[in-house]
Amino acid sequence: MYPPVIKVLPLTDYQLQLTFQNGEEGIFDMKPYLSLPIFQPLNDLLMFNKVRVCFDTIAWEGDIDIDPETLYNGCEKQVASISAFA
């Protein structure tokens, strides 16, 4: 079981900043998925930017969603800077 997504923020260049229920955060790059038929409508940045949390994952209009396992495993995790605690 993978931790649910609790927050999503669209970034530039078809990337998403994700926060998971376990406290981990990371960046997920959607570019490799945009050529797949289900995700092609997301090439429109206005639509892409309407991403929202839906149940345990993220979704867009038109019943477009992505598996939370894919998000968690494909996310480049962000690590807190040590200098932030010094």
C-alpha atoms as a PDB file:
ATOM      1  CA  MET A   1       0.000   0.000   0.000  1.00  0.00           C
ATOM      2  CA  TYR A   2       1.299   3.417  -0.915  1.00  0.00           C
ATOM      3  CA  PRO A   3       0.719   6.625   1.037  1.00  0.00           C
ATOM      4  CA  PRO A   4      -2.151   8.742  -0.273  1.00  0.00           C
ATOM      5  CA  VAL A   5      -1.497  12.083  -1.924  1.00  0.00           C
ATOM      6  CA  ILE A   6      -2.806  14.870   0.303  1.00  0.00           C
ATOM      7  CA  LYS A   7      -1.623  17.921  -1.644  1.00  0.00           C
ATOM      8  CA  VAL A   8      -0.724  18.698  -5.240  1.00  0.00           C
ATOM      9  CA  LEU A   9       0.664  21.855  -6.793  1.00  0.00           C
ATOM     10  CA  PRO A  10       1.239  22.219 -10.551  1.00  0.00           C
ATOM     11  CA  LEU A  11       4.675  23.548 -11.440  1.00  0.00           C
ATOM     12  CA  THR A  12       6.282  24.644 -14.691  1.00  0.00           C
ATOM     13  CA  ASP A  13       7.274  22.204 -17.415  1.00  0.00           C
ATOM     14  CA  TYR A  14       4.481  19.700 -16.639  1.00  0.00           C
ATOM     15  CA  GLN A  15       5.772  18.869 -13.189  1.00  0.00           C
ATOM     16  CA  LEU A  16       3.751  18.378 -10.025  1.00  0.00           C
ATOM     17  CA  GLN A  17       4.784  18.978  -6.443  1.00  0.00           C
ATOM     18  CA  LEU A  18       3.206  16.235  -4.336  1.00  0.00           C
ATOM     19  CA  THR A  19       2.782  15.809  -0.606  1.00  0.00           C
ATOM     20  CA  PHE A  20       1.994  12.359   0.712  1.00  0.00           C
ATOM     21  CA  GLN A  21       0.180  11.429   3.910  1.00  0.00           C
ATOM     22  CA  ASN A  22       3.408  10.033   5.408  1.00  0.00           C
ATOM     23  CA  GLY A  23       4.968  13.529   5.215  1.00  0.00           C
ATOM     24  CA  GLU A  24       7.171  12.870   2.190  1.00  0.00           C
ATOM     25  CA  GLU A  25       7.207  15.420  -0.607  1.00  0.00           C
ATOM     26  CA  GLY A  26       8.511  15.235  -4.121  1.00  0.00           C
ATOM     27  CA  ILE A  27       8.338  16.306  -7.733  1.00  0.00           C
ATOM     28  CA  PHE A  28       6.598  14.136 -10.324  1.00  0.00           C
ATOM     29  CA  ASP A  29       7.336  14.754 -14.005  1.00  0.00           C
ATOM     30  CA  MET A  30       4.263  14.192 -16.196  1.00  0.00           C
ATOM     31  CA  LYS A  31       6.068  14.818 -19.511  1.00  0.00           C
ATOM     32  CA  PRO A  32       6.746  11.118 -20.249  1.00  0.00           C
ATOM     33  CA  TYR A  33       3.017  10.379 -19.884  1.00  0.00           C
ATOM     34  CA  LEU A  34       1.623  13.174 -22.065  1.00  0.00           C
ATOM     35  CA  SER A  35       1.914  11.157 -25.288  1.00  0.00           C
ATOM     36  CA  LEU A  36      -0.370   8.427 -23.913  1.00  0.00           C
ATOM     37  CA  PRO A  37      -3.942   8.815 -25.208  1.00  0.00           C
ATOM     38  CA  ILE A  38      -5.545   9.201 -21.767  1.00  0.00           C
ATOM     39  CA  PHE A  39      -3.155  12.031 -20.820  1.00  0.00           C
ATOM     40  CA  GLN A  40      -3.018  13.891 -24.164  1.00  0.00           C
ATOM     41  CA  PRO A  41      -5.625  16.485 -23.061  1.00  0.00           C
ATOM     42  CA  LEU A  42      -3.151  17.568 -20.360  1.00  0.00           C
ATOM     43  CA  ASN A  43      -0.872  19.050 -23.018  1.00  0.00           C
ATOM     44  CA  ASP A  44      -3.193  22.044 -22.608  1.00  0.00           C
ATOM     45  CA  LEU A  45      -1.560  23.875 -19.697  1.00  0.00           C
ATOM     46  CA  LEU A  46      -4.868  25.374 -18.590  1.00  0.00           C
ATOM     47  CA  MET A  47      -6.251  21.886 -18.127  1.00  0.00           C
ATOM     48  CA  PHE A  48      -3.018  20.537 -16.639  1.00  0.00           C
ATOM     49  CA  ASN A  49      -3.043  23.265 -14.001  1.00  0.00           C
ATOM     50  CA  LYS A  50      -6.535  22.231 -12.832  1.00  0.00           C
ATOM     51  CA  VAL A  51      -5.090  19.150 -11.133  1.00  0.00           C
ATOM     52  CA  ARG A  52      -6.628  18.303  -7.766  1.00  0.00           C
ATOM     53  CA  VAL A  53      -6.425  15.673  -5.038  1.00  0.00           C
ATOM     54  CA  CYS A  54      -9.106  13.043  -5.541  1.00  0.00           C
ATOM     55  CA  PHE A  55      -9.397  10.224  -3.005  1.00  0.00           C
ATOM     56  CA  ASP A  56      -5.825   8.858  -2.587  1.00  0.00           C
ATOM     57  CA  THR A  57      -4.385  10.236  -5.818  1.00  0.00           C
ATOM     58  CA  ILE A  58      -4.647  13.193  -8.204  1.00  0.00           C
ATOM     59  CA  ALA A  59      -7.115  13.827 -11.009  1.00  0.00           C
ATOM     60  CA  TRP A  60      -8.129  16.223 -13.730  1.00  0.00           C
ATOM     61  CA  GLU A  61     -11.394  16.985 -15.512  1.00  0.00           C
ATOM     62  CA  GLY A  62     -12.580  14.271 -17.869  1.00  0.00           C
ATOM     63  CA  ASP A  63     -11.959  11.411 -15.426  1.00  0.00           C
ATOM     64  CA  ILE A  64      -8.198  11.571 -15.943  1.00  0.00           C
ATOM     65  CA  ASP A  65      -6.229  10.209 -13.014  1.00  0.00           C
ATOM     66  CA  ILE A  66      -3.022   8.365 -12.285  1.00  0.00           C
ATOM     67  CA  ASP A  67      -2.288   5.487  -9.958  1.00  0.00           C
ATOM     68  CA  PRO A  68      -0.927   6.570  -6.551  1.00  0.00           C
ATOM     69  CA  GLU A  69       1.714   3.823  -6.771  1.00  0.00           C
ATOM     70  CA  THR A  70       2.997   5.373 -10.004  1.00  0.00           C
ATOM     71  CA  LEU A  71       3.134   8.785  -8.362  1.00  0.00           C
ATOM     72  CA  TYR A  72       4.943   7.578  -5.248  1.00  0.00           C
ATOM     73  CA  ASN A  73       7.477   5.401  -7.085  1.00  0.00           C
ATOM     74  CA  GLY A  74       8.104   7.952  -9.837  1.00  0.00           C
ATOM     75  CA  CYS A  75       8.376  10.959  -7.569  1.00  0.00           C
ATOM     76  CA  GLU A  76      11.767  12.548  -7.031  1.00  0.00           C
ATOM     77  CA  LYS A  77      11.657  12.871  -3.257  1.00  0.00           C
ATOM     78  CA  GLN A  78      12.723  16.156  -1.731  1.00  0.00           C
ATOM     79  CA  VAL A  79      14.993  16.007   1.282  1.00  0.00           C
ATOM     80  CA  ALA A  80      15.060  18.776   3.875  1.00  0.00           C
ATOM     81  CA  SER A  81      18.221  20.797   3.723  1.00  0.00           C
ATOM     82  CA  ILE A  82      20.566  20.199   6.673  1.00  0.00           C
ATOM     83  CA  SER A  83      21.409  23.907   6.746  1.00  0.00           C
ATOM     84  CA  ALA A  84      17.754  24.624   7.474  1.00  0.00           C
ATOM     85  CA  PHE A  85      18.232  23.014  10.875  1.00  0.00           C
ATOM     86  CA  ALA A  86      21.581  24.615  11.719  1.00  0.00           C
END
